[in-house]
Amino acid sequence: MSRKSRVSWLGLRFREIGGRGGILNGYTEKTAEQLQDMVNMAADPDSQSMIKGPILAMPIYIPKSGQSVGFEIKVVPVARNGRAKTEMDCFLHDKKNGKSVDREVSYANWLTARLAPSSDVKSIRVTQSGYYKTSRKKRPLMIPSAIFQGTMVVTDPEILYKMMVQGVGRHKAYGFGMLALRVPDRF
């Protein structure tokens, strides 16, 4: 496990700053002191030393229905594979089932479907994709990952709130699934 990922399982996302450490960010209803206590309890000293500056609590702001917002999110785009209930890269799943053969389109469709209960996605682009190395039961594992940016119009603020608190997608550890909202023109 990399040093960077040891603190990110707290539900916050670690953003590296030029290889010299980084910051934790995320939406929370906790105070800065509560977040610092969580880091102190859960992260080893090596991981704690990577956090530069204070931890800031970012209150959750939920846009109103009909409001346009920008978003950024890092996800694990996987689909369930039949009765075996195994997971596979949604691009490979689509290809196997005769659907889209373009990875970015497949990933964008996957995310759009997950955001649909809360928002109408107007634009979406994959800014980075690849595979994340991890292990499960002491076996090496490569899982797909993608970072998206885009704009959406909020249709259900309550569901959007739940997505921001709980994350998007099945995999939500190590910063995956954290939906960050922005003013649309700030990309």
N, C-alpha and C. Protein backbone atom coordinates (compact mmCIF):
# COMPACT_ATOMS: atom_id res chain seq x y z
N MET A 1 0.86 -1.18 0.00
CA MET A 1 0.00 0.00 0.00
C MET A 1 0.90 1.23 0.00
N SER A 2 0.60 2.18 -0.86
CA SER A 2 1.42 3.38 -0.92
C SER A 2 1.13 4.27 0.28
N ARG A 3 2.11 5.12 0.60
CA ARG A 3 1.93 6.03 1.73
C ARG A 3 0.72 6.92 1.51
N LYS A 4 0.52 7.32 0.29
CA LYS A 4 -0.56 8.23 -0.02
C LYS A 4 -1.93 7.63 0.28
N SER A 5 -2.10 6.32 0.09
CA SER A 5 -3.42 5.72 0.26
C SER A 5 -3.75 5.39 1.71
N ARG A 6 -2.79 5.42 2.60
CA ARG A 6 -3.05 5.03 3.99
C ARG A 6 -4.01 5.97 4.70
N VAL A 7 -4.03 7.23 4.34
CA VAL A 7 -4.93 8.15 5.02
C VAL A 7 -6.23 8.36 4.25
N SER A 8 -6.27 8.04 2.99
CA SER A 8 -7.43 8.38 2.19
C SER A 8 -8.64 7.50 2.45
N TRP A 9 -8.50 6.38 3.14
CA TRP A 9 -9.65 5.54 3.40
C TRP A 9 -10.62 6.17 4.39
N LEU A 10 -10.24 7.28 5.00
CA LEU A 10 -11.12 7.94 5.96
C LEU A 10 -12.36 8.55 5.31
N GLY A 11 -12.47 8.49 3.99
CA GLY A 11 -13.59 9.09 3.29
C GLY A 11 -13.25 10.45 2.74
N LEU A 12 -12.01 10.84 2.91
CA LEU A 12 -11.53 12.09 2.36
C LEU A 12 -10.55 11.76 1.24
N ARG A 13 -10.30 12.70 0.38
CA ARG A 13 -9.38 12.43 -0.72
C ARG A 13 -8.07 13.15 -0.46
N PHE A 14 -6.98 12.42 -0.63
CA PHE A 14 -5.64 12.96 -0.47
C PHE A 14 -5.17 13.49 -1.82
N ARG A 15 -4.77 14.74 -1.87
CA ARG A 15 -4.25 15.34 -3.11
C ARG A 15 -2.80 15.68 -2.89
N GLU A 16 -1.95 15.06 -3.70
CA GLU A 16 -0.52 15.27 -3.58
C GLU A 16 -0.14 16.63 -4.13
N ILE A 17 0.83 17.28 -3.48
CA ILE A 17 1.33 18.58 -3.92
C ILE A 17 2.78 18.41 -4.30
N GLY A 18 3.03 18.26 -5.58
CA GLY A 18 4.39 18.22 -6.10
C GLY A 18 5.30 17.19 -5.46
N GLY A 19 4.77 16.05 -5.04
CA GLY A 19 5.59 14.99 -4.47
C GLY A 19 6.12 15.28 -3.07
N ARG A 20 5.69 16.38 -2.45
CA ARG A 20 6.20 16.77 -1.14
C ARG A 20 5.15 16.60 -0.04
N GLY A 21 4.18 15.79 -0.25
CA GLY A 21 3.09 15.67 0.71
C GLY A 21 1.82 16.16 0.05
N GLY A 22 0.85 16.54 0.84
CA GLY A 22 -0.39 16.98 0.23
C GLY A 22 -1.41 17.44 1.24
N ILE A 23 -2.65 17.51 0.77
CA ILE A 23 -3.76 17.97 1.60
C ILE A 23 -4.87 16.93 1.55
N LEU A 24 -5.68 16.91 2.59
CA LEU A 24 -6.89 16.10 2.60
C LEU A 24 -8.05 17.02 2.29
N ASN A 25 -8.93 16.57 1.40
CA ASN A 25 -10.13 17.37 1.19
C ASN A 25 -11.33 16.46 1.07
N GLY A 26 -12.48 17.03 1.36
CA GLY A 26 -13.72 16.28 1.29
C GLY A 26 -14.83 17.06 1.97
N TYR A 27 -16.05 16.65 1.70
CA TYR A 27 -17.20 17.29 2.32
C TYR A 27 -17.53 16.55 3.61
N THR A 28 -17.86 17.29 4.64
CA THR A 28 -18.14 16.67 5.92
C THR A 28 -18.98 17.59 6.79
N GLU A 29 -19.65 16.98 7.73
CA GLU A 29 -20.36 17.76 8.74
C GLU A 29 -19.57 17.78 10.04
N LYS A 30 -18.39 17.17 10.02
CA LYS A 30 -17.52 17.15 11.19
C LYS A 30 -16.73 18.45 11.28
N THR A 31 -16.25 18.76 12.47
CA THR A 31 -15.41 19.94 12.65
C THR A 31 -13.97 19.59 12.26
N ALA A 32 -13.16 20.60 12.10
CA ALA A 32 -11.74 20.39 11.79
C ALA A 32 -11.07 19.59 12.90
N GLU A 33 -11.45 19.84 14.14
CA GLU A 33 -10.87 19.11 15.27
C GLU A 33 -11.24 17.63 15.22
N GLN A 34 -12.49 17.32 14.88
CA GLN A 34 -12.91 15.93 14.76
C GLN A 34 -12.15 15.22 13.64
N LEU A 35 -11.95 15.92 12.53
CA LEU A 35 -11.19 15.33 11.42
C LEU A 35 -9.75 15.05 11.83
N GLN A 36 -9.14 16.00 12.54
CA GLN A 36 -7.77 15.81 13.00
C GLN A 36 -7.69 14.61 13.94
N ASP A 37 -8.68 14.45 14.82
CA ASP A 37 -8.72 13.30 15.72
C ASP A 37 -8.83 11.99 14.93
N MET A 38 -9.64 11.98 13.85
CA MET A 38 -9.76 10.78 13.02
C MET A 38 -8.43 10.42 12.37
N VAL A 39 -7.73 11.43 11.87
CA VAL A 39 -6.43 11.19 11.24
C VAL A 39 -5.44 10.67 12.28
N ASN A 40 -5.44 11.29 13.46
CA ASN A 40 -4.53 10.86 14.52
C ASN A 40 -4.78 9.41 14.94
N MET A 41 -6.05 9.00 14.99
CA MET A 41 -6.39 7.64 15.38
C MET A 41 -6.10 6.63 14.28
N ALA A 42 -6.36 6.98 13.03
CA ALA A 42 -6.35 6.00 11.95
C ALA A 42 -5.07 5.95 11.13
N ALA A 43 -4.37 7.04 11.02
CA ALA A 43 -3.21 7.08 10.14
C ALA A 43 -1.92 6.87 10.92
N ASP A 44 -0.99 6.16 10.32
CA ASP A 44 0.31 5.97 10.96
C ASP A 44 1.09 7.29 10.90
N PRO A 45 2.14 7.44 11.72
CA PRO A 45 2.90 8.69 11.75
C PRO A 45 3.47 9.10 10.40
N ASP A 46 3.87 8.12 9.59
CA ASP A 46 4.42 8.42 8.28
C ASP A 46 3.36 9.09 7.39
N SER A 47 2.14 8.56 7.44
CA SER A 47 1.04 9.16 6.66
C SER A 47 0.66 10.53 7.20
N GLN A 48 0.65 10.66 8.52
CA GLN A 48 0.31 11.96 9.12
C GLN A 48 1.29 13.03 8.69
N SER A 49 2.57 12.67 8.57
CA SER A 49 3.58 13.66 8.22
C SER A 49 3.43 14.15 6.78
N MET A 50 2.67 13.42 5.95
CA MET A 50 2.47 13.83 4.57
C MET A 50 1.46 14.96 4.44
N ILE A 51 0.63 15.18 5.46
CA ILE A 51 -0.40 16.22 5.40
C ILE A 51 0.24 17.55 5.74
N LYS A 52 0.28 18.44 4.77
CA LYS A 52 0.90 19.75 4.94
C LYS A 52 -0.17 20.78 5.26
N GLY A 53 -0.02 21.44 6.36
CA GLY A 53 -0.98 22.48 6.74
C GLY A 53 -2.15 21.90 7.52
N PRO A 54 -3.06 22.76 7.95
CA PRO A 54 -4.19 22.31 8.77
C PRO A 54 -5.21 21.56 7.93
N ILE A 55 -5.99 20.73 8.60
CA ILE A 55 -7.11 20.07 7.95
C ILE A 55 -8.30 21.01 8.08
N LEU A 56 -8.93 21.31 6.96
CA LEU A 56 -10.06 22.22 6.95
C LEU A 56 -11.35 21.45 6.73
N ALA A 57 -12.35 21.73 7.53
CA ALA A 57 -13.67 21.12 7.36
C ALA A 57 -14.44 21.91 6.31
N MET A 58 -14.84 21.22 5.25
CA MET A 58 -15.60 21.88 4.18
C MET A 58 -17.07 21.52 4.35
N PRO A 59 -17.92 22.49 4.68
CA PRO A 59 -19.34 22.17 4.85
C PRO A 59 -19.95 21.74 3.52
N ILE A 60 -20.96 20.91 3.61
CA ILE A 60 -21.63 20.43 2.40
C ILE A 60 -22.59 21.50 1.91
N TYR A 61 -22.38 21.95 0.68
CA TYR A 61 -23.29 22.90 0.04
C TYR A 61 -24.05 22.12 -1.02
N ILE A 62 -25.34 22.12 -0.96
CA ILE A 62 -26.16 21.41 -1.94
C ILE A 62 -26.85 22.44 -2.84
N PRO A 63 -26.57 22.37 -4.13
CA PRO A 63 -27.23 23.28 -5.06
C PRO A 63 -28.74 23.01 -5.12
N LYS A 64 -29.48 23.99 -5.54
CA LYS A 64 -30.92 23.86 -5.67
C LYS A 64 -31.26 23.11 -6.96
N SER A 65 -32.46 22.57 -7.00
CA SER A 65 -32.95 21.90 -8.20
C SER A 65 -32.94 22.89 -9.37
N GLY A 66 -32.42 22.45 -10.51
CA GLY A 66 -32.33 23.31 -11.70
C GLY A 66 -31.02 24.06 -11.81
N GLN A 67 -30.20 24.04 -10.76
CA GLN A 67 -28.92 24.75 -10.79
C GLN A 67 -27.87 23.92 -11.52
N SER A 68 -27.07 24.59 -12.33
CA SER A 68 -25.98 23.95 -13.06
C SER A 68 -24.71 24.02 -12.22
N VAL A 69 -24.01 22.88 -12.11
CA VAL A 69 -22.77 22.83 -11.34
C VAL A 69 -21.73 22.02 -12.12
N GLY A 70 -20.47 22.30 -11.85
CA GLY A 70 -19.39 21.48 -12.37
C GLY A 70 -19.08 20.40 -11.36
N PHE A 71 -18.46 19.32 -11.83
CA PHE A 71 -18.10 18.25 -10.90
C PHE A 71 -16.78 17.62 -11.31
N GLU A 72 -16.16 17.00 -10.32
CA GLU A 72 -14.98 16.17 -10.56
C GLU A 72 -15.13 14.96 -9.66
N ILE A 73 -14.76 13.79 -10.18
CA ILE A 73 -14.89 12.57 -9.41
C ILE A 73 -13.91 11.52 -9.92
N LYS A 74 -13.38 10.75 -8.99
CA LYS A 74 -12.51 9.62 -9.31
C LYS A 74 -13.28 8.36 -8.93
N VAL A 75 -13.44 7.43 -9.89
CA VAL A 75 -14.27 6.26 -9.66
C VAL A 75 -13.60 4.97 -10.13
N VAL A 76 -14.19 3.87 -9.70
CA VAL A 76 -13.83 2.54 -10.18
C VAL A 76 -15.01 2.08 -11.04
N PRO A 77 -14.91 2.23 -12.37
CA PRO A 77 -16.03 1.89 -13.25
C PRO A 77 -16.10 0.38 -13.54
N VAL A 78 -16.82 -0.35 -12.71
CA VAL A 78 -16.93 -1.80 -12.88
C VAL A 78 -18.40 -2.19 -13.01
N ALA A 79 -18.61 -3.33 -13.66
CA ALA A 79 -19.96 -3.88 -13.83
C ALA A 79 -19.96 -5.30 -13.30
N ARG A 80 -21.11 -5.74 -12.83
CA ARG A 80 -21.27 -7.12 -12.38
C ARG A 80 -21.36 -8.01 -13.62
N ASN A 81 -20.73 -9.17 -13.53
CA ASN A 81 -20.65 -10.08 -14.66
C ASN A 81 -21.56 -11.28 -14.44
N GLY A 82 -22.81 -11.16 -14.86
CA GLY A 82 -23.74 -12.28 -14.84
C GLY A 82 -24.01 -12.86 -13.47
N ARG A 83 -24.33 -14.15 -13.48
CA ARG A 83 -24.71 -14.84 -12.24
C ARG A 83 -23.55 -15.04 -11.30
N ALA A 84 -22.33 -15.07 -11.84
CA ALA A 84 -21.16 -15.28 -10.98
C ALA A 84 -20.95 -14.10 -10.05
N LYS A 85 -21.57 -12.98 -10.36
CA LYS A 85 -21.47 -11.76 -9.55
C LYS A 85 -20.03 -11.29 -9.37
N THR A 86 -19.20 -11.62 -10.33
CA THR A 86 -17.85 -11.08 -10.31
C THR A 86 -17.88 -9.72 -10.97
N GLU A 87 -16.89 -8.91 -10.68
CA GLU A 87 -16.83 -7.58 -11.26
C GLU A 87 -15.77 -7.54 -12.36
N MET A 88 -16.04 -6.71 -13.36
CA MET A 88 -15.05 -6.49 -14.39
C MET A 88 -15.15 -5.05 -14.87
N ASP A 89 -14.09 -4.57 -15.47
CA ASP A 89 -14.05 -3.24 -16.06
C ASP A 89 -15.31 -3.06 -16.91
N CYS A 90 -16.06 -1.98 -16.71
CA CYS A 90 -17.32 -1.80 -17.45
C CYS A 90 -17.08 -1.70 -18.95
N PHE A 91 -15.93 -1.21 -19.37
CA PHE A 91 -15.59 -1.18 -20.80
C PHE A 91 -15.50 -2.60 -21.35
N LEU A 92 -14.81 -3.49 -20.64
CA LEU A 92 -14.68 -4.88 -21.08
C LEU A 92 -16.04 -5.59 -21.03
N HIS A 93 -16.85 -5.25 -20.04
CA HIS A 93 -18.20 -5.81 -19.92
C HIS A 93 -19.05 -5.38 -21.11
N ASP A 94 -19.00 -4.09 -21.47
CA ASP A 94 -19.75 -3.59 -22.63
C ASP A 94 -19.28 -4.26 -23.91
N LYS A 95 -17.98 -4.38 -24.07
CA LYS A 95 -17.40 -4.98 -25.28
C LYS A 95 -17.84 -6.45 -25.39
N LYS A 96 -17.82 -7.15 -24.27
CA LYS A 96 -18.23 -8.56 -24.25
C LYS A 96 -19.70 -8.71 -24.64
N ASN A 97 -20.52 -7.72 -24.28
CA ASN A 97 -21.95 -7.77 -24.57
C ASN A 97 -22.33 -7.04 -25.85
N GLY A 98 -21.34 -6.73 -26.69
CA GLY A 98 -21.62 -6.14 -27.99
C GLY A 98 -21.98 -4.67 -27.98
N LYS A 99 -21.69 -3.98 -26.89
CA LYS A 99 -22.00 -2.54 -26.80
C LYS A 99 -20.77 -1.73 -27.22
N SER A 100 -20.69 -0.52 -26.79
CA SER A 100 -19.62 0.41 -27.13
C SER A 100 -18.23 -0.23 -27.05
N VAL A 101 -17.37 0.10 -27.99
CA VAL A 101 -15.99 -0.40 -27.94
C VAL A 101 -15.01 0.71 -27.57
N ASP A 102 -15.54 1.90 -27.27
CA ASP A 102 -14.69 3.01 -26.87
C ASP A 102 -14.69 3.11 -25.34
N ARG A 103 -13.50 3.06 -24.75
CA ARG A 103 -13.38 3.06 -23.29
C ARG A 103 -13.97 4.33 -22.67
N GLU A 104 -13.65 5.50 -23.21
CA GLU A 104 -14.15 6.74 -22.62
C GLU A 104 -15.67 6.83 -22.68
N VAL A 105 -16.26 6.40 -23.78
CA VAL A 105 -17.73 6.42 -23.90
C VAL A 105 -18.35 5.45 -22.89
N SER A 106 -17.76 4.27 -22.78
CA SER A 106 -18.26 3.29 -21.83
C SER A 106 -18.19 3.82 -20.40
N TYR A 107 -17.05 4.40 -20.03
CA TYR A 107 -16.89 4.96 -18.69
C TYR A 107 -17.86 6.12 -18.45
N ALA A 108 -18.02 6.99 -19.45
CA ALA A 108 -18.93 8.14 -19.30
C ALA A 108 -20.37 7.67 -19.13
N ASN A 109 -20.77 6.65 -19.89
CA ASN A 109 -22.12 6.10 -19.76
C ASN A 109 -22.33 5.50 -18.36
N TRP A 110 -21.29 4.83 -17.85
CA TRP A 110 -21.36 4.23 -16.52
C TRP A 110 -21.62 5.31 -15.46
N LEU A 111 -20.82 6.40 -15.51
CA LEU A 111 -20.98 7.45 -14.51
C LEU A 111 -22.29 8.21 -14.68
N THR A 112 -22.68 8.50 -15.91
CA THR A 112 -23.93 9.20 -16.17
C THR A 112 -25.11 8.44 -15.57
N ALA A 113 -25.10 7.12 -15.71
CA ALA A 113 -26.18 6.30 -15.15
C ALA A 113 -26.21 6.39 -13.62
N ARG A 114 -25.05 6.49 -12.99
CA ARG A 114 -25.02 6.57 -11.52
C ARG A 114 -25.44 7.95 -11.02
N LEU A 115 -25.17 8.99 -11.79
CA LEU A 115 -25.55 10.34 -11.38
C LEU A 115 -27.00 10.67 -11.73
N ALA A 116 -27.62 9.88 -12.62
CA ALA A 116 -28.97 10.17 -13.13
C ALA A 116 -30.03 10.37 -12.05
N PRO A 117 -30.02 9.65 -10.94
CA PRO A 117 -31.07 9.90 -9.95
C PRO A 117 -31.04 11.31 -9.34
N SER A 118 -29.87 11.97 -9.39
CA SER A 118 -29.76 13.28 -8.76
C SER A 118 -29.58 14.41 -9.76
N SER A 119 -29.11 14.09 -10.96
CA SER A 119 -28.70 15.15 -11.89
C SER A 119 -28.82 14.73 -13.34
N ASP A 120 -28.89 15.72 -14.19
CA ASP A 120 -28.87 15.52 -15.63
C ASP A 120 -27.49 15.97 -16.12
N VAL A 121 -26.65 15.02 -16.51
CA VAL A 121 -25.28 15.33 -16.94
C VAL A 121 -25.34 16.00 -18.31
N LYS A 122 -24.74 17.19 -18.41
CA LYS A 122 -24.73 17.96 -19.65
C LYS A 122 -23.44 17.77 -20.43
N SER A 123 -22.32 17.69 -19.74
CA SER A 123 -21.05 17.42 -20.40
C SER A 123 -20.20 16.57 -19.46
N ILE A 124 -19.37 15.73 -20.07
CA ILE A 124 -18.54 14.85 -19.26
C ILE A 124 -17.31 14.47 -20.08
N ARG A 125 -16.17 14.44 -19.41
CA ARG A 125 -14.96 13.99 -20.09
C ARG A 125 -14.07 13.25 -19.09
N VAL A 126 -13.40 12.25 -19.61
CA VAL A 126 -12.44 11.50 -18.81
C VAL A 126 -11.13 12.27 -18.87
N THR A 127 -10.62 12.70 -17.72
CA THR A 127 -9.35 13.43 -17.71
C THR A 127 -8.17 12.51 -17.46
N GLN A 128 -8.46 11.34 -16.89
CA GLN A 128 -7.40 10.37 -16.63
C GLN A 128 -8.04 9.00 -16.45
N SER A 129 -7.42 7.98 -17.01
CA SER A 129 -7.89 6.62 -16.77
C SER A 129 -6.69 5.68 -16.75
N GLY A 130 -6.87 4.56 -16.11
CA GLY A 130 -5.81 3.58 -16.00
C GLY A 130 -6.23 2.50 -15.03
N TYR A 131 -5.25 1.85 -14.45
CA TYR A 131 -5.53 0.79 -13.49
C TYR A 131 -4.84 1.10 -12.17
N TYR A 132 -5.52 0.79 -11.09
CA TYR A 132 -5.03 1.01 -9.73
C TYR A 132 -4.56 -0.34 -9.20
N LYS A 133 -3.34 -0.38 -8.71
CA LYS A 133 -2.79 -1.63 -8.17
C LYS A 133 -3.13 -1.75 -6.70
N THR A 134 -3.67 -2.90 -6.33
CA THR A 134 -4.00 -3.19 -4.94
C THR A 134 -3.89 -4.69 -4.74
N SER A 135 -4.35 -5.19 -3.63
CA SER A 135 -4.36 -6.64 -3.41
C SER A 135 -5.60 -7.01 -2.62
N ARG A 136 -6.05 -8.22 -2.83
CA ARG A 136 -7.19 -8.75 -2.09
C ARG A 136 -6.84 -10.17 -1.70
N LYS A 137 -6.93 -10.44 -0.42
CA LYS A 137 -6.57 -11.76 0.12
C LYS A 137 -5.17 -12.17 -0.35
N LYS A 138 -4.25 -11.20 -0.24
CA LYS A 138 -2.84 -11.39 -0.56
C LYS A 138 -2.57 -11.69 -2.04
N ARG A 139 -3.56 -11.46 -2.90
CA ARG A 139 -3.37 -11.62 -4.34
C ARG A 139 -3.34 -10.25 -4.99
N PRO A 140 -2.37 -10.01 -5.90
CA PRO A 140 -2.34 -8.71 -6.57
C PRO A 140 -3.60 -8.53 -7.43
N LEU A 141 -4.06 -7.31 -7.51
CA LEU A 141 -5.28 -7.02 -8.22
C LEU A 141 -5.14 -5.67 -8.92
N MET A 142 -5.58 -5.61 -10.16
CA MET A 142 -5.58 -4.35 -10.91
C MET A 142 -7.05 -3.97 -11.13
N ILE A 143 -7.44 -2.81 -10.62
CA ILE A 143 -8.82 -2.37 -10.81
C ILE A 143 -8.82 -1.11 -11.68
N PRO A 144 -9.83 -0.98 -12.55
CA PRO A 144 -9.87 0.21 -13.41
C PRO A 144 -10.19 1.45 -12.58
N SER A 145 -9.63 2.57 -12.99
CA SER A 145 -9.96 3.84 -12.34
C SER A 145 -10.05 4.92 -13.40
N ALA A 146 -10.86 5.92 -13.12
CA ALA A 146 -11.02 7.04 -14.05
C ALA A 146 -11.36 8.30 -13.26
N ILE A 147 -10.84 9.41 -13.75
CA ILE A 147 -11.18 10.71 -13.18
C ILE A 147 -11.98 11.46 -14.24
N PHE A 148 -13.12 11.99 -13.82
CA PHE A 148 -14.01 12.71 -14.73
C PHE A 148 -14.13 14.17 -14.30
N GLN A 149 -14.40 15.01 -15.27
CA GLN A 149 -14.84 16.38 -15.03
C GLN A 149 -16.02 16.61 -15.94
N GLY A 150 -16.94 17.46 -15.49
CA GLY A 150 -18.09 17.74 -16.32
C GLY A 150 -19.01 18.75 -15.68
N THR A 151 -20.17 18.91 -16.29
CA THR A 151 -21.21 19.78 -15.75
C THR A 151 -22.52 19.00 -15.71
N MET A 152 -23.35 19.36 -14.75
CA MET A 152 -24.65 18.72 -14.62
C MET A 152 -25.65 19.72 -14.05
N VAL A 153 -26.92 19.43 -14.30
CA VAL A 153 -28.01 20.22 -13.74
C VAL A 153 -28.66 19.37 -12.66
N VAL A 154 -28.76 19.91 -11.47
CA VAL A 154 -29.31 19.18 -10.33
C VAL A 154 -30.81 19.00 -10.52
N THR A 155 -31.29 17.75 -10.37
CA THR A 155 -32.72 17.46 -10.47
C THR A 155 -33.31 17.06 -9.13
N ASP A 156 -32.48 16.49 -8.24
CA ASP A 156 -32.95 16.08 -6.92
C ASP A 156 -31.87 16.37 -5.88
N PRO A 157 -31.95 17.52 -5.20
CA PRO A 157 -30.92 17.90 -4.23
C PRO A 157 -30.74 16.90 -3.09
N GLU A 158 -31.82 16.25 -2.64
CA GLU A 158 -31.71 15.28 -1.54
C GLU A 158 -30.87 14.07 -1.94
N ILE A 159 -31.08 13.55 -3.13
CA ILE A 159 -30.29 12.40 -3.59
C ILE A 159 -28.84 12.83 -3.83
N LEU A 160 -28.65 14.04 -4.34
CA LEU A 160 -27.29 14.55 -4.54
C LEU A 160 -26.56 14.64 -3.20
N TYR A 161 -27.26 15.10 -2.17
CA TYR A 161 -26.67 15.18 -0.83
C TYR A 161 -26.20 13.79 -0.38
N LYS A 162 -27.04 12.78 -0.56
CA LYS A 162 -26.67 11.42 -0.17
C LYS A 162 -25.44 10.94 -0.95
N MET A 163 -25.38 11.27 -2.24
CA MET A 163 -24.23 10.87 -3.05
C MET A 163 -22.95 11.55 -2.56
N MET A 164 -23.07 12.78 -2.14
CA MET A 164 -21.89 13.49 -1.65
C MET A 164 -21.42 12.92 -0.33
N VAL A 165 -22.34 12.50 0.52
CA VAL A 165 -21.99 11.95 1.82
C VAL A 165 -21.51 10.50 1.69
N GLN A 166 -22.20 9.70 0.88
CA GLN A 166 -21.90 8.27 0.78
C GLN A 166 -20.90 7.93 -0.32
N GLY A 167 -20.77 8.79 -1.32
CA GLY A 167 -19.91 8.49 -2.46
C GLY A 167 -20.70 7.87 -3.59
N VAL A 168 -20.05 7.75 -4.75
CA VAL A 168 -20.69 7.23 -5.96
C VAL A 168 -19.98 5.95 -6.39
N GLY A 169 -20.76 4.93 -6.71
CA GLY A 169 -20.19 3.66 -7.14
C GLY A 169 -20.04 2.70 -5.98
N ARG A 170 -19.69 1.46 -6.31
CA ARG A 170 -19.54 0.43 -5.27
C ARG A 170 -18.25 0.59 -4.48
N HIS A 171 -17.20 1.07 -5.12
CA HIS A 171 -15.89 1.18 -4.47
C HIS A 171 -15.68 2.61 -4.00
N LYS A 172 -15.57 2.79 -2.68
CA LYS A 172 -15.48 4.13 -2.13
C LYS A 172 -14.29 4.33 -1.21
N ALA A 173 -13.38 3.41 -1.17
CA ALA A 173 -12.17 3.56 -0.35
C ALA A 173 -11.10 4.29 -1.16
N TYR A 174 -10.10 4.78 -0.46
CA TYR A 174 -8.93 5.43 -1.08
C TYR A 174 -9.31 6.65 -1.92
N GLY A 175 -10.38 7.33 -1.56
CA GLY A 175 -10.76 8.54 -2.27
C GLY A 175 -11.65 8.31 -3.48
N PHE A 176 -11.90 7.06 -3.85
CA PHE A 176 -12.78 6.79 -4.98
C PHE A 176 -14.22 7.13 -4.60
N GLY A 177 -14.97 7.66 -5.55
CA GLY A 177 -16.39 7.93 -5.35
C GLY A 177 -16.72 9.29 -4.76
N MET A 178 -15.70 10.08 -4.40
CA MET A 178 -15.95 11.39 -3.81
C MET A 178 -16.34 12.40 -4.90
N LEU A 179 -17.55 12.89 -4.82
CA LEU A 179 -18.08 13.83 -5.79
C LEU A 179 -17.78 15.25 -5.33
N ALA A 180 -16.91 15.93 -6.06
CA ALA A 180 -16.54 17.31 -5.73
C ALA A 180 -17.28 18.25 -6.68
N LEU A 181 -18.03 19.19 -6.14
CA LEU A 181 -18.78 20.15 -6.96
C LEU A 181 -18.03 21.45 -7.08
N ARG A 182 -18.21 22.09 -8.23
CA ARG A 182 -17.55 23.38 -8.52
C ARG A 182 -18.48 24.26 -9.32
N VAL A 183 -18.11 25.54 -9.37
CA VAL A 183 -18.79 26.45 -10.29
C VAL A 183 -18.43 25.95 -11.69
N PRO A 184 -19.40 25.80 -12.62
CA PRO A 184 -19.14 25.15 -13.89
C PRO A 184 -17.99 25.72 -14.72
N ASP A 185 -17.75 27.02 -14.68
CA ASP A 185 -16.71 27.60 -15.55
C ASP A 185 -15.33 27.55 -14.94
N ARG A 186 -15.12 26.82 -13.84
CA ARG A 186 -13.82 26.80 -13.18
C ARG A 186 -12.94 25.64 -13.61
N PHE A 187 -13.23 25.02 -14.75
CA PHE A 187 -12.41 23.91 -15.24
C PHE A 187 -11.39 24.38 -16.23
